[in-house]
Protein backbone atom coordinates (compact mmCIF):
# COMPACT_ATOMS: atom_id res chain seq x y z
CA MET A 1 -13.59 15.07 21.31
CA ALA A 2 -13.63 16.22 24.93
CA ASP A 3 -10.82 18.53 25.99
CA PRO A 4 -9.65 19.18 29.56
CA LEU A 5 -10.00 22.90 28.89
CA TRP A 6 -13.53 22.58 27.53
CA GLU A 7 -15.54 19.42 28.17
CA PRO A 8 -18.01 19.69 25.23
CA GLY A 9 -15.07 19.62 22.79
CA LEU A 10 -12.45 22.08 21.55
CA ILE A 11 -10.34 22.49 18.42
CA VAL A 12 -7.02 24.28 19.01
CA ARG A 13 -4.90 25.33 16.03
CA GLU A 14 -1.59 27.12 16.27
CA LEU A 15 -0.19 27.36 12.76
CA GLY A 16 3.00 29.27 13.47
CA PRO A 17 5.73 29.38 16.13
CA HIS A 18 5.07 32.94 17.34
CA SER A 19 1.38 33.73 17.80
CA GLU A 20 0.51 37.39 18.38
CA LEU A 21 -3.22 36.96 19.02
CA THR A 22 -5.54 34.35 20.44
CA ILE A 23 -8.88 34.18 18.61
CA ILE A 24 -11.77 32.20 20.09
CA LEU A 25 -14.68 31.69 17.68
CA LEU A 26 -18.11 30.42 18.76
CA HIS A 27 -20.27 28.60 16.22
CA GLY A 28 -23.94 29.23 15.51
CA LEU A 29 -27.06 27.50 16.80
CA GLY A 30 -27.17 23.82 15.89
CA ALA A 31 -23.67 23.79 14.37
CA ASP A 32 -20.48 22.55 16.05
CA MET A 33 -16.83 23.43 16.51
CA GLN A 34 -15.96 22.26 12.99
CA ASP A 35 -18.23 24.87 11.43
CA LEU A 36 -15.87 27.85 11.77
CA ALA A 37 -12.57 25.97 11.94
CA GLY A 38 -11.91 26.58 8.24
CA ILE A 39 -11.49 30.28 8.99
CA ALA A 40 -8.09 29.47 10.49
CA GLU A 41 -6.91 28.39 7.04
CA ALA A 42 -8.65 31.20 5.14
CA MET A 43 -7.04 34.23 6.77
CA GLU A 44 -3.72 35.52 5.45
CA GLY A 45 -2.34 36.13 8.95
CA ARG A 46 -3.32 32.66 10.17
CA THR A 47 0.22 31.77 11.29
CA ARG A 48 0.22 34.73 13.69
CA VAL A 49 -2.81 33.44 15.61
CA ARG A 50 -3.61 30.78 18.19
CA TRP A 51 -7.13 29.63 17.27
CA LEU A 52 -9.72 28.06 19.56
CA PHE A 53 -13.04 26.67 18.33
CA PRO A 54 -15.17 25.35 21.21
CA ASN A 55 -18.33 23.28 21.01
CA ALA A 56 -21.48 24.61 22.62
CA PRO A 57 -23.13 22.14 25.03
CA LEU A 58 -26.12 20.10 23.93
CA ARG A 59 -29.45 21.52 25.09
CA PHE A 60 -33.10 21.64 24.13
CA VAL A 61 -33.94 24.76 22.09
CA THR A 62 -37.44 26.21 22.38
CA LEU A 63 -37.31 28.12 19.07
CA ASN A 64 -36.66 24.86 17.21
CA GLY A 65 -39.54 22.93 18.73
CA GLY A 66 -37.58 21.71 21.73
CA ALA A 67 -35.04 19.85 19.60
CA LEU A 68 -31.76 18.78 21.19
CA MET A 69 -28.81 20.56 19.59
CA ARG A 70 -25.65 22.45 20.37
CA ALA A 71 -26.56 25.90 21.66
CA TRP A 72 -24.91 28.47 23.87
CA TYR A 73 -28.27 29.26 25.50
CA ASP A 74 -31.95 28.65 24.84
CA VAL A 75 -33.69 30.84 22.25
CA TYR A 76 -37.37 31.70 22.41
CA GLY A 77 -37.58 34.06 19.42
CA PHE A 78 -36.20 37.27 17.95
CA ASP A 79 -39.31 39.47 18.08
CA GLY A 80 -38.59 40.93 21.51
CA ALA A 81 -41.82 39.62 22.99
CA ALA A 82 -40.72 36.04 23.61
CA GLY A 83 -38.22 36.81 26.37
CA GLU A 84 -34.60 35.75 26.67
CA ASP A 85 -32.74 32.99 28.50
CA SER A 86 -31.01 35.22 31.04
CA ASP A 87 -29.92 32.34 33.26
CA GLY A 88 -28.49 30.40 30.31
CA LEU A 89 -26.60 33.44 29.04
CA ALA A 90 -25.09 34.16 32.45
CA ALA A 91 -24.10 30.53 33.05
CA MET A 92 -22.43 30.20 29.66
CA ALA A 93 -20.62 33.53 30.07
CA GLY A 94 -19.19 32.15 33.32
CA ALA A 95 -18.03 28.97 31.60
CA LEU A 96 -16.44 30.93 28.76
CA GLY A 97 -14.83 33.17 31.35
CA ALA A 98 -12.99 30.15 32.71
CA LEU A 99 -11.75 29.32 29.21
CA LEU A 100 -10.58 32.91 28.76
CA ALA A 101 -8.81 32.80 32.13
CA ALA A 102 -6.98 29.63 31.09
CA GLU A 103 -5.80 31.37 27.92
CA ARG A 104 -4.67 34.43 29.86
CA ALA A 105 -2.66 32.14 32.15
CA ARG A 106 -0.88 30.71 29.08
CA SER A 107 0.18 34.02 27.57
CA SER A 108 -0.18 37.78 27.77
CA ARG A 109 -1.13 37.99 24.07
CA PRO A 110 -4.43 39.82 23.35
CA ILE A 111 -7.55 37.67 23.11
CA VAL A 112 -10.30 38.20 20.53
CA LEU A 113 -13.68 36.63 21.24
CA GLY A 114 -16.07 36.25 18.33
CA GLY A 115 -18.66 34.12 16.70
CA PHE A 116 -21.30 33.62 14.07
CA SER A 117 -25.04 34.06 14.68
CA GLN A 118 -25.82 32.82 18.22
CA GLY A 119 -22.09 32.48 18.77
CA GLY A 120 -21.59 36.16 17.97
CA ALA A 121 -24.40 37.08 20.34
CA MET A 122 -22.77 34.97 23.05
CA ALA A 123 -19.44 36.68 22.43
CA LEU A 124 -21.02 40.12 22.82
CA TYR A 125 -22.76 39.15 26.05
CA THR A 126 -19.64 37.55 27.54
CA ALA A 127 -17.41 40.53 26.79
CA LEU A 128 -19.84 43.35 27.52
CA HIS A 129 -22.49 42.21 30.00
CA ALA A 130 -20.30 39.77 31.94
CA GLY A 131 -17.24 42.00 31.64
CA GLU A 132 -14.76 39.34 30.57
CA SER A 133 -11.56 41.05 29.45
CA VAL A 134 -10.91 40.73 25.71
CA ALA A 135 -9.23 43.00 23.17
CA SER A 136 -11.93 42.84 20.51
CA VAL A 137 -15.26 41.20 19.74
CA LEU A 138 -16.34 39.83 16.36
CA ALA A 139 -20.12 39.57 15.94
CA LEU A 140 -20.88 38.09 12.53
CA SER A 141 -24.56 37.86 11.49
CA ALA A 142 -25.41 38.26 15.16
CA TYR A 143 -27.41 40.40 17.57
CA LEU A 144 -27.00 41.80 21.09
CA PRO A 145 -28.75 39.78 23.82
CA ARG A 146 -30.27 41.53 26.84
CA LYS A 147 -30.02 44.98 25.32
CA ASP A 148 -31.80 46.32 28.39
CA LEU A 149 -28.87 45.34 30.62
CA LEU A 150 -26.04 46.64 28.42
CA PRO A 151 -23.56 48.54 30.61
CA ALA A 152 -21.92 51.75 29.47
CA ALA A 153 -18.51 51.38 27.86
CA ALA A 154 -15.41 51.78 29.99
CA ALA A 155 -11.89 52.89 29.05
CA ASP A 156 -10.79 49.28 28.60
CA SER A 157 -13.87 48.10 26.69
CA PRO A 158 -13.15 46.02 23.58
CA THR A 159 -13.45 47.24 20.02
CA ILE A 160 -16.34 45.63 18.18
CA PHE A 161 -16.56 44.42 14.59
CA MET A 162 -20.19 43.76 13.73
CA ALA A 163 -21.24 42.65 10.25
CA HIS A 164 -24.47 41.42 8.69
CA GLY A 165 -26.00 40.25 5.45
CA ALA A 166 -28.49 42.49 3.68
CA PHE A 167 -30.62 39.43 2.87
CA ASP A 168 -30.34 37.55 6.17
CA PRO A 169 -33.55 35.48 6.59
CA ILE A 170 -32.73 34.37 10.16
CA ILE A 171 -31.68 37.48 12.08
CA PRO A 172 -33.19 40.61 10.51
CA LEU A 173 -30.76 43.25 9.29
CA ASP A 174 -32.73 45.98 11.05
CA LEU A 175 -32.30 44.17 14.38
CA ALA A 176 -28.54 43.96 13.93
CA ARG A 177 -28.33 47.62 12.88
CA HIS A 178 -30.32 48.63 15.95
CA CYS A 179 -27.97 46.64 18.17
CA PHE A 180 -24.89 48.34 16.76
CA LYS A 181 -26.46 51.78 17.15
CA LEU A 182 -27.22 50.94 20.77
CA LEU A 183 -23.60 49.92 21.31
CA GLU A 184 -22.46 53.26 19.90
CA ALA A 185 -24.96 55.12 22.08
CA ARG A 186 -23.52 53.40 25.16
CA GLY A 187 -20.02 54.52 24.20
CA TYR A 188 -18.57 51.45 22.50
CA HIS A 189 -16.30 51.87 19.47
CA GLY A 190 -16.04 49.64 16.48
CA LEU A 191 -16.92 49.01 12.89
CA TRP A 192 -20.20 48.11 11.18
CA ARG A 193 -20.28 46.39 7.79
CA GLU A 194 -23.08 45.12 5.52
CA TYR A 195 -22.70 42.64 2.67
CA ALA A 196 -24.86 41.37 -0.18
CA MET A 197 -25.37 37.97 1.43
CA GLY A 198 -27.78 35.93 3.53
CA HIS A 199 -27.05 34.24 6.86
CA THR A 200 -23.50 33.19 6.07
CA ILE A 201 -19.85 34.31 5.98
CA ILE A 202 -18.12 35.43 2.78
CA GLY A 203 -14.52 36.12 1.76
CA GLU A 204 -14.97 39.89 1.59
CA GLU A 205 -16.19 39.87 5.19
CA LEU A 206 -13.22 37.80 6.39
CA ALA A 207 -10.84 40.21 4.66
CA ASP A 208 -12.49 43.11 6.52
CA VAL A 209 -12.28 41.17 9.79
CA GLU A 210 -8.57 40.60 9.28
CA ARG A 211 -7.86 44.26 8.47
CA PHE A 212 -9.84 45.31 11.55
CA LEU A 213 -8.01 42.90 13.86
CA TRP A 214 -4.49 43.73 12.78
CA ALA A 215 -5.17 47.47 12.76
CA ALA A 216 -6.46 47.25 16.33
CA HIS A 217 -3.54 45.06 17.34
CA ALA A 218 -0.98 47.43 15.78
CA SER A 219 -2.52 50.48 17.44
CA GLY A 220 -2.83 48.83 20.84
CA ARG A 221 -5.94 50.94 21.37
CA HIS A 222 -8.61 48.36 22.08
CA GLY A 223 -11.14 51.00 22.94
CA ASP A 224 -10.80 52.90 19.66
CA GLU A 225 -12.23 52.22 16.23
CA ALA A 226 -9.81 50.36 14.03
């Protein structure tokens, strides 16, 4: 349903009385806000987190034959020759920035922005290219959009957890590896993980995500590897 904070629809789950983190997770292309909501129940530290799962707007997606579906931006292809939807990325980063600002106005707790597939790509762009202030970024089975415009890391840049499946048939593993190496070359800190899986999320990966997040939160060093 529509939410005053986020018109396309938003699931908010706060499972405990004293949240220490806010985690915003963006779903993949063609999915919806329900797709990742189960993660809130799967993580051991779920009661320490305020969870937000927003819907992407409906739009026509070139890669999928112009079909109407939920997407954070248009996608033309992954081969590097098809171009990228720069205007769509920038507009959505601005919209997500307003959601982040609303969360910051609620509480001073650290905010983690993440997502799966296109949602992970959108999270990276919003935090790094658009400079929205977050503690960490989770990019699961994702890639880095507009690699050519990636700014150098700053002292307050977020830590990045980037993970991928060795058998991913949608977003090639080599592309994701290249993106993480580029992030490192530009001075960003984080953690790279590979799993024996396709284009999905598995329990082992979620366990690694949780260890990464709480280590970063305990250290308070959002610019250092957890």
